[in-house]
């Protein structure tokens, strides 16, 4: 499997990434007096792929939640939610199967998609009248 995956990656090129849909909800404006801590979470949702002879198309759902934590740490409050579906298009000559795709979706898709989510979160929050927020660096655990 590892050899096949390495061969697949060697023949892979990212052609395009685009946002197919997104939505957000501004729940509240931050209140640092009552809620001094902010917690952010970014999570992948459903992932679907399709392959032709020369391309791999991946639709990846993503969701982002920003919430505040009260001084007592017993209460949280949602302040902003964002979700979106990105399509990633790769040029490839090697065939993909479900087993290899599981590894690809955990290793490569997050690295390719992270800068796009960072930009979407930052710009959407700013346009919604919220303080700007920059998504931290992606750290993949091996």
N, C-alpha and C. Protein backbone atom coordinates (compact mmCIF):
# COMPACT_ATOMS: atom_id res chain seq x y z
N UNK A 1 0.83 -1.20 0.00
CA UNK A 1 0.00 0.00 0.00
C UNK A 1 0.87 1.26 0.00
N UNK A 2 1.91 1.27 0.85
CA UNK A 2 2.75 2.46 0.95
C UNK A 2 3.42 2.79 -0.38
N UNK A 3 3.91 1.77 -1.08
CA UNK A 3 4.57 1.98 -2.37
C UNK A 3 3.56 2.55 -3.38
N UNK A 4 2.37 1.99 -3.42
CA UNK A 4 1.32 2.49 -4.33
C UNK A 4 0.97 3.94 -4.02
N UNK A 5 0.91 4.26 -2.73
CA UNK A 5 0.56 5.62 -2.33
C UNK A 5 1.66 6.60 -2.75
N UNK A 6 2.90 6.24 -2.55
CA UNK A 6 4.03 7.09 -2.95
C UNK A 6 3.99 7.32 -4.46
N UNK A 7 3.72 6.28 -5.23
CA UNK A 7 3.62 6.42 -6.68
C UNK A 7 2.46 7.32 -7.07
N UNK A 8 1.36 7.18 -6.36
CA UNK A 8 0.20 8.03 -6.62
C UNK A 8 0.55 9.50 -6.37
N UNK A 9 1.18 9.79 -5.24
CA UNK A 9 1.53 11.17 -4.88
C UNK A 9 2.54 11.76 -5.86
N UNK A 10 3.49 10.95 -6.30
CA UNK A 10 4.50 11.44 -7.25
C UNK A 10 3.87 11.90 -8.57
N UNK A 11 2.76 11.29 -8.97
CA UNK A 11 2.11 11.66 -10.22
C UNK A 11 0.94 12.61 -10.05
N UNK A 12 0.84 13.24 -8.89
CA UNK A 12 -0.31 14.08 -8.55
C UNK A 12 0.02 15.56 -8.69
N UNK A 13 -0.90 16.33 -9.27
CA UNK A 13 -0.77 17.78 -9.32
C UNK A 13 -2.12 18.39 -8.95
N UNK A 14 -2.08 19.43 -8.15
CA UNK A 14 -3.29 20.17 -7.80
C UNK A 14 -3.60 21.16 -8.92
N UNK A 15 -4.77 21.01 -9.54
CA UNK A 15 -5.16 21.88 -10.64
C UNK A 15 -6.02 23.05 -10.18
N UNK A 16 -6.92 22.81 -9.23
CA UNK A 16 -7.86 23.84 -8.84
C UNK A 16 -8.48 23.54 -7.48
N UNK A 17 -8.82 24.59 -6.78
CA UNK A 17 -9.63 24.50 -5.55
C UNK A 17 -10.64 25.62 -5.65
N UNK A 18 -11.92 25.28 -5.44
CA UNK A 18 -12.93 26.33 -5.44
C UNK A 18 -14.01 26.03 -4.41
N UNK A 19 -14.63 27.11 -3.96
CA UNK A 19 -15.70 27.03 -2.97
C UNK A 19 -17.02 26.89 -3.72
N UNK A 20 -17.71 25.77 -3.48
CA UNK A 20 -18.98 25.52 -4.15
C UNK A 20 -20.16 26.14 -3.42
N UNK A 21 -20.09 26.14 -2.09
CA UNK A 21 -21.15 26.75 -1.29
C UNK A 21 -20.62 27.05 0.10
N UNK A 22 -21.24 28.02 0.76
CA UNK A 22 -20.88 28.33 2.14
C UNK A 22 -22.04 29.05 2.81
N UNK A 23 -22.05 28.98 4.13
CA UNK A 23 -23.03 29.72 4.92
C UNK A 23 -22.41 30.02 6.28
N UNK A 24 -22.88 31.10 6.90
CA UNK A 24 -22.37 31.44 8.23
C UNK A 24 -23.50 31.97 9.09
N UNK A 25 -23.24 31.97 10.38
CA UNK A 25 -24.19 32.52 11.36
C UNK A 25 -23.39 33.28 12.40
N UNK A 26 -23.70 34.55 12.55
CA UNK A 26 -23.12 35.37 13.61
C UNK A 26 -24.08 35.29 14.79
N UNK A 27 -23.68 34.60 15.83
CA UNK A 27 -24.56 34.40 16.99
C UNK A 27 -24.50 35.58 17.96
N UNK A 28 -23.31 36.10 18.20
CA UNK A 28 -23.14 37.17 19.19
C UNK A 28 -21.80 37.85 18.93
N UNK A 29 -21.69 39.07 19.45
CA UNK A 29 -20.41 39.76 19.39
C UNK A 29 -19.60 39.33 20.62
N UNK A 30 -18.30 39.14 20.47
CA UNK A 30 -17.50 38.70 21.62
C UNK A 30 -17.64 39.62 22.83
N UNK A 31 -17.67 39.02 24.01
CA UNK A 31 -17.77 39.75 25.27
C UNK A 31 -16.64 39.28 26.19
N UNK A 32 -15.43 39.85 26.04
CA UNK A 32 -14.29 39.37 26.82
C UNK A 32 -14.40 39.58 28.33
N UNK A 33 -15.29 40.47 28.76
CA UNK A 33 -15.49 40.67 30.20
C UNK A 33 -16.08 39.41 30.85
N UNK A 34 -17.13 38.87 30.23
CA UNK A 34 -17.80 37.69 30.77
C UNK A 34 -17.16 36.39 30.28
N UNK A 35 -16.61 36.45 29.07
CA UNK A 35 -16.05 35.26 28.42
C UNK A 35 -14.61 35.56 27.99
N UNK A 36 -13.65 35.41 28.89
CA UNK A 36 -12.28 35.81 28.58
C UNK A 36 -11.52 34.87 27.63
N UNK A 37 -12.03 33.69 27.43
CA UNK A 37 -11.34 32.71 26.58
C UNK A 37 -12.16 32.44 25.33
N UNK A 38 -11.47 32.28 24.20
CA UNK A 38 -12.12 31.95 22.94
C UNK A 38 -11.60 30.60 22.48
N UNK A 39 -12.50 29.77 22.01
CA UNK A 39 -12.13 28.42 21.54
C UNK A 39 -12.61 28.27 20.10
N UNK A 40 -11.71 27.81 19.24
CA UNK A 40 -12.04 27.62 17.83
C UNK A 40 -11.89 26.15 17.47
N UNK A 41 -12.80 25.68 16.61
CA UNK A 41 -12.66 24.31 16.12
C UNK A 41 -12.97 24.29 14.62
N UNK A 42 -12.14 23.55 13.91
CA UNK A 42 -12.29 23.36 12.47
C UNK A 42 -12.38 21.87 12.25
N UNK A 43 -13.41 21.43 11.55
CA UNK A 43 -13.61 19.99 11.37
C UNK A 43 -14.07 19.67 9.95
N UNK A 44 -13.50 18.59 9.40
CA UNK A 44 -13.99 18.14 8.10
C UNK A 44 -15.31 17.40 8.28
N UNK A 45 -16.13 17.49 7.26
CA UNK A 45 -17.39 16.74 7.23
C UNK A 45 -17.29 15.67 6.17
N UNK A 46 -18.36 15.49 5.45
CA UNK A 46 -18.44 14.47 4.41
C UNK A 46 -17.43 14.75 3.29
N UNK A 47 -16.80 13.69 2.81
CA UNK A 47 -15.84 13.77 1.71
C UNK A 47 -16.27 12.79 0.63
N UNK A 48 -16.36 13.28 -0.60
CA UNK A 48 -16.76 12.45 -1.73
C UNK A 48 -15.72 12.64 -2.83
N UNK A 49 -15.35 11.52 -3.49
CA UNK A 49 -14.41 11.66 -4.60
C UNK A 49 -14.91 10.91 -5.82
N UNK A 50 -14.44 11.38 -6.99
CA UNK A 50 -14.72 10.74 -8.27
C UNK A 50 -13.47 10.87 -9.11
N UNK A 51 -13.16 9.83 -9.87
CA UNK A 51 -11.95 9.86 -10.67
C UNK A 51 -12.25 9.54 -12.13
N UNK A 52 -11.60 10.30 -13.00
CA UNK A 52 -11.63 10.00 -14.43
C UNK A 52 -10.23 9.45 -14.78
N UNK A 53 -9.94 9.27 -16.06
CA UNK A 53 -8.62 8.76 -16.45
C UNK A 53 -7.50 9.73 -16.07
N UNK A 54 -7.80 11.03 -16.06
CA UNK A 54 -6.73 12.01 -15.84
C UNK A 54 -6.94 12.92 -14.63
N UNK A 55 -8.12 12.86 -13.99
CA UNK A 55 -8.39 13.77 -12.88
C UNK A 55 -9.06 13.09 -11.70
N UNK A 56 -8.80 13.65 -10.54
CA UNK A 56 -9.46 13.25 -9.30
C UNK A 56 -10.19 14.48 -8.78
N UNK A 57 -11.50 14.37 -8.57
CA UNK A 57 -12.32 15.46 -8.04
C UNK A 57 -12.75 15.07 -6.63
N UNK A 58 -12.52 15.97 -5.68
CA UNK A 58 -12.87 15.73 -4.28
C UNK A 58 -13.76 16.86 -3.80
N UNK A 59 -14.92 16.53 -3.24
CA UNK A 59 -15.78 17.51 -2.57
C UNK A 59 -15.61 17.30 -1.08
N UNK A 60 -15.19 18.36 -0.39
CA UNK A 60 -14.90 18.27 1.04
C UNK A 60 -15.73 19.29 1.80
N UNK A 61 -16.60 18.81 2.70
CA UNK A 61 -17.35 19.70 3.59
C UNK A 61 -16.43 20.09 4.75
N UNK A 62 -16.54 21.35 5.17
CA UNK A 62 -15.77 21.84 6.31
C UNK A 62 -16.69 22.66 7.20
N UNK A 63 -16.43 22.62 8.51
CA UNK A 63 -17.20 23.46 9.43
C UNK A 63 -16.25 24.10 10.44
N UNK A 64 -16.60 25.32 10.82
CA UNK A 64 -15.80 26.10 11.76
C UNK A 64 -16.73 26.64 12.83
N UNK A 65 -16.30 26.56 14.07
CA UNK A 65 -17.08 27.08 15.19
C UNK A 65 -16.15 27.89 16.08
N UNK A 66 -16.60 29.10 16.43
CA UNK A 66 -15.88 29.94 17.38
C UNK A 66 -16.81 30.18 18.55
N UNK A 67 -16.34 29.84 19.74
CA UNK A 67 -17.16 30.04 20.93
C UNK A 67 -16.33 30.64 22.05
N UNK A 68 -17.03 31.27 22.97
CA UNK A 68 -16.38 31.88 24.13
C UNK A 68 -16.59 30.99 25.34
N UNK A 69 -15.63 31.06 26.26
CA UNK A 69 -15.70 30.27 27.49
C UNK A 69 -15.75 31.25 28.66
N UNK A 70 -16.73 31.05 29.55
CA UNK A 70 -16.92 31.93 30.72
C UNK A 70 -15.75 31.78 31.70
N UNK A 71 -15.62 32.78 32.55
CA UNK A 71 -14.57 32.76 33.59
C UNK A 71 -14.66 31.50 34.43
N UNK A 72 -15.87 31.07 34.73
CA UNK A 72 -16.07 29.87 35.56
C UNK A 72 -15.71 28.59 34.80
N UNK A 73 -15.57 28.69 33.47
CA UNK A 73 -15.27 27.57 32.57
C UNK A 73 -16.42 26.57 32.51
N UNK A 74 -17.57 26.90 33.11
CA UNK A 74 -18.73 26.02 33.10
C UNK A 74 -19.70 26.35 31.97
N UNK A 75 -19.52 27.52 31.37
CA UNK A 75 -20.47 27.96 30.36
C UNK A 75 -19.72 28.39 29.10
N UNK A 76 -20.27 28.01 27.95
CA UNK A 76 -19.73 28.46 26.67
C UNK A 76 -20.85 29.16 25.90
N UNK A 77 -20.44 29.97 24.94
CA UNK A 77 -21.40 30.70 24.12
C UNK A 77 -20.87 30.74 22.69
N UNK A 78 -21.71 30.25 21.75
CA UNK A 78 -21.34 30.32 20.34
C UNK A 78 -21.34 31.77 19.91
N UNK A 79 -20.29 32.15 19.16
CA UNK A 79 -20.31 33.50 18.63
C UNK A 79 -20.30 33.51 17.09
N UNK A 80 -19.76 32.45 16.47
CA UNK A 80 -19.70 32.44 15.01
C UNK A 80 -19.59 31.01 14.50
N UNK A 81 -20.37 30.69 13.47
CA UNK A 81 -20.28 29.38 12.80
C UNK A 81 -20.18 29.62 11.30
N UNK A 82 -19.41 28.75 10.64
CA UNK A 82 -19.23 28.83 9.20
C UNK A 82 -19.12 27.42 8.65
N UNK A 83 -19.76 27.17 7.53
CA UNK A 83 -19.61 25.89 6.86
C UNK A 83 -19.46 26.12 5.38
N UNK A 84 -18.80 25.19 4.72
CA UNK A 84 -18.61 25.32 3.28
C UNK A 84 -18.26 23.99 2.66
N UNK A 85 -18.42 23.93 1.35
CA UNK A 85 -18.03 22.75 0.58
C UNK A 85 -17.04 23.22 -0.48
N UNK A 86 -15.85 22.67 -0.43
CA UNK A 86 -14.80 22.98 -1.40
C UNK A 86 -14.66 21.81 -2.36
N UNK A 87 -14.35 22.12 -3.61
CA UNK A 87 -14.00 21.10 -4.59
C UNK A 87 -12.52 21.25 -4.90
N UNK A 88 -11.80 20.15 -4.79
CA UNK A 88 -10.38 20.10 -5.13
C UNK A 88 -10.24 19.24 -6.37
N UNK A 89 -9.51 19.74 -7.37
CA UNK A 89 -9.32 19.02 -8.62
C UNK A 89 -7.83 18.74 -8.78
N UNK A 90 -7.51 17.46 -8.94
CA UNK A 90 -6.12 17.04 -9.09
C UNK A 90 -5.93 16.37 -10.45
N UNK A 91 -4.76 16.54 -11.02
CA UNK A 91 -4.36 15.79 -12.20
C UNK A 91 -3.64 14.55 -11.69
N UNK A 92 -4.03 13.39 -12.21
CA UNK A 92 -3.40 12.14 -11.76
C UNK A 92 -3.44 11.11 -12.88
N UNK A 93 -2.48 10.22 -12.84
CA UNK A 93 -2.45 9.13 -13.82
C UNK A 93 -2.65 7.79 -13.14
N UNK A 94 -2.51 7.77 -11.83
CA UNK A 94 -2.63 6.52 -11.07
C UNK A 94 -4.07 6.34 -10.58
N UNK A 95 -4.55 5.11 -10.54
CA UNK A 95 -5.91 4.87 -10.04
C UNK A 95 -6.00 5.03 -8.52
N UNK A 96 -7.18 5.47 -8.07
CA UNK A 96 -7.46 5.65 -6.63
C UNK A 96 -8.47 4.60 -6.21
N UNK A 97 -8.27 4.03 -5.02
CA UNK A 97 -9.28 3.15 -4.45
C UNK A 97 -9.65 3.68 -3.06
N UNK A 98 -10.67 3.09 -2.45
CA UNK A 98 -11.16 3.61 -1.17
C UNK A 98 -10.11 3.56 -0.07
N UNK A 99 -9.31 2.52 -0.03
CA UNK A 99 -8.27 2.39 1.00
C UNK A 99 -7.24 3.51 0.86
N UNK A 100 -6.79 3.75 -0.37
CA UNK A 100 -5.81 4.80 -0.61
C UNK A 100 -6.43 6.17 -0.37
N UNK A 101 -7.71 6.32 -0.71
CA UNK A 101 -8.35 7.61 -0.51
C UNK A 101 -8.44 7.97 0.97
N UNK A 102 -8.64 7.00 1.84
CA UNK A 102 -8.69 7.27 3.29
C UNK A 102 -7.39 7.90 3.76
N UNK A 103 -6.27 7.40 3.29
CA UNK A 103 -4.97 7.97 3.64
C UNK A 103 -4.82 9.36 3.02
N UNK A 104 -5.21 9.50 1.77
CA UNK A 104 -5.11 10.77 1.06
C UNK A 104 -5.94 11.84 1.74
N UNK A 105 -7.14 11.48 2.17
CA UNK A 105 -8.03 12.47 2.79
C UNK A 105 -7.53 12.92 4.16
N UNK A 106 -6.76 12.09 4.84
CA UNK A 106 -6.21 12.47 6.14
C UNK A 106 -4.89 13.23 6.01
N UNK A 107 -4.14 12.96 4.94
CA UNK A 107 -2.80 13.53 4.81
C UNK A 107 -2.73 14.73 3.87
N UNK A 108 -3.30 14.61 2.70
CA UNK A 108 -3.10 15.62 1.67
C UNK A 108 -4.20 16.68 1.61
N UNK A 109 -5.44 16.27 1.72
CA UNK A 109 -6.53 17.24 1.59
C UNK A 109 -6.44 18.34 2.65
N UNK A 110 -6.18 18.02 3.91
CA UNK A 110 -6.07 19.11 4.90
C UNK A 110 -4.97 20.12 4.56
N UNK A 111 -3.84 19.64 4.08
CA UNK A 111 -2.74 20.53 3.73
C UNK A 111 -3.12 21.44 2.56
N UNK A 112 -3.78 20.88 1.57
CA UNK A 112 -4.18 21.67 0.40
C UNK A 112 -5.30 22.64 0.73
N UNK A 113 -6.21 22.28 1.59
CA UNK A 113 -7.40 23.07 1.86
C UNK A 113 -7.23 24.13 2.95
N UNK A 114 -6.32 23.93 3.87
CA UNK A 114 -6.17 24.79 5.04
C UNK A 114 -6.02 26.29 4.69
N UNK A 115 -5.18 26.67 3.74
CA UNK A 115 -5.07 28.11 3.43
C UNK A 115 -6.38 28.70 2.91
N UNK A 116 -7.16 27.92 2.22
CA UNK A 116 -8.44 28.40 1.69
C UNK A 116 -9.45 28.58 2.82
N UNK A 117 -9.44 27.69 3.78
CA UNK A 117 -10.34 27.84 4.95
C UNK A 117 -9.90 29.04 5.78
N UNK A 118 -8.60 29.22 5.94
CA UNK A 118 -8.09 30.37 6.70
C UNK A 118 -8.61 31.67 6.08
N UNK A 119 -8.50 31.77 4.77
CA UNK A 119 -8.95 32.99 4.08
C UNK A 119 -10.46 33.15 4.19
N UNK A 120 -11.22 32.08 4.02
CA UNK A 120 -12.68 32.16 4.10
C UNK A 120 -13.12 32.59 5.49
N UNK A 121 -12.55 32.01 6.51
CA UNK A 121 -12.91 32.36 7.90
C UNK A 121 -12.59 33.83 8.18
N UNK A 122 -11.38 34.22 7.87
CA UNK A 122 -10.94 35.60 8.13
C UNK A 122 -11.84 36.61 7.42
N UNK A 123 -12.04 36.43 6.12
CA UNK A 123 -12.83 37.40 5.36
C UNK A 123 -14.30 37.39 5.74
N UNK A 124 -14.88 36.23 5.97
CA UNK A 124 -16.30 36.16 6.33
C UNK A 124 -16.55 36.82 7.68
N UNK A 125 -15.69 36.54 8.65
CA UNK A 125 -15.87 37.16 9.97
C UNK A 125 -15.75 38.68 9.88
N UNK A 126 -14.78 39.15 9.11
CA UNK A 126 -14.60 40.60 8.96
C UNK A 126 -15.81 41.23 8.30
N UNK A 127 -16.33 40.59 7.26
CA UNK A 127 -17.51 41.12 6.56
C UNK A 127 -18.76 41.06 7.43
N UNK A 128 -18.77 40.14 8.40
CA UNK A 128 -19.92 40.03 9.31
C UNK A 128 -19.80 40.99 10.49
N UNK A 129 -18.78 41.85 10.46
CA UNK A 129 -18.63 42.84 11.52
C UNK A 129 -17.99 42.29 12.78
N UNK A 130 -17.35 41.14 12.67
CA UNK A 130 -16.69 40.51 13.82
C UNK A 130 -15.21 40.91 13.82
N UNK A 131 -14.55 40.78 14.95
CA UNK A 131 -13.10 40.98 14.94
C UNK A 131 -12.46 39.93 14.03
N UNK A 132 -11.40 40.30 13.36
CA UNK A 132 -10.76 39.34 12.45
C UNK A 132 -10.17 38.18 13.24
N UNK A 133 -10.11 37.04 12.60
CA UNK A 133 -9.59 35.82 13.22
C UNK A 133 -8.73 35.11 12.19
N UNK A 134 -7.52 34.73 12.58
CA UNK A 134 -6.63 33.99 11.70
C UNK A 134 -6.51 32.57 12.21
N UNK A 135 -6.86 31.63 11.38
CA UNK A 135 -6.76 30.23 11.71
C UNK A 135 -5.30 29.86 11.94
N UNK A 136 -4.98 29.17 13.02
CA UNK A 136 -3.59 28.81 13.29
C UNK A 136 -3.00 27.87 12.24
N UNK A 137 -1.72 27.70 12.29
CA UNK A 137 -1.00 26.80 11.39
C UNK A 137 -1.54 25.37 11.56
N UNK A 138 -1.64 24.68 10.46
CA UNK A 138 -2.09 23.28 10.48
C UNK A 138 -0.95 22.39 10.95
N UNK A 139 -1.22 21.56 11.93
CA UNK A 139 -0.22 20.61 12.45
C UNK A 139 -0.79 19.21 12.30
N UNK A 140 -0.21 18.45 11.39
CA UNK A 140 -0.69 17.08 11.14
C UNK A 140 0.11 16.12 12.00
N UNK A 141 -0.63 15.31 12.74
CA UNK A 141 0.01 14.30 13.59
C UNK A 141 0.28 13.07 12.78
N UNK A 142 1.45 12.53 12.90
CA UNK A 142 1.82 11.32 12.15
C UNK A 142 1.63 10.09 12.99
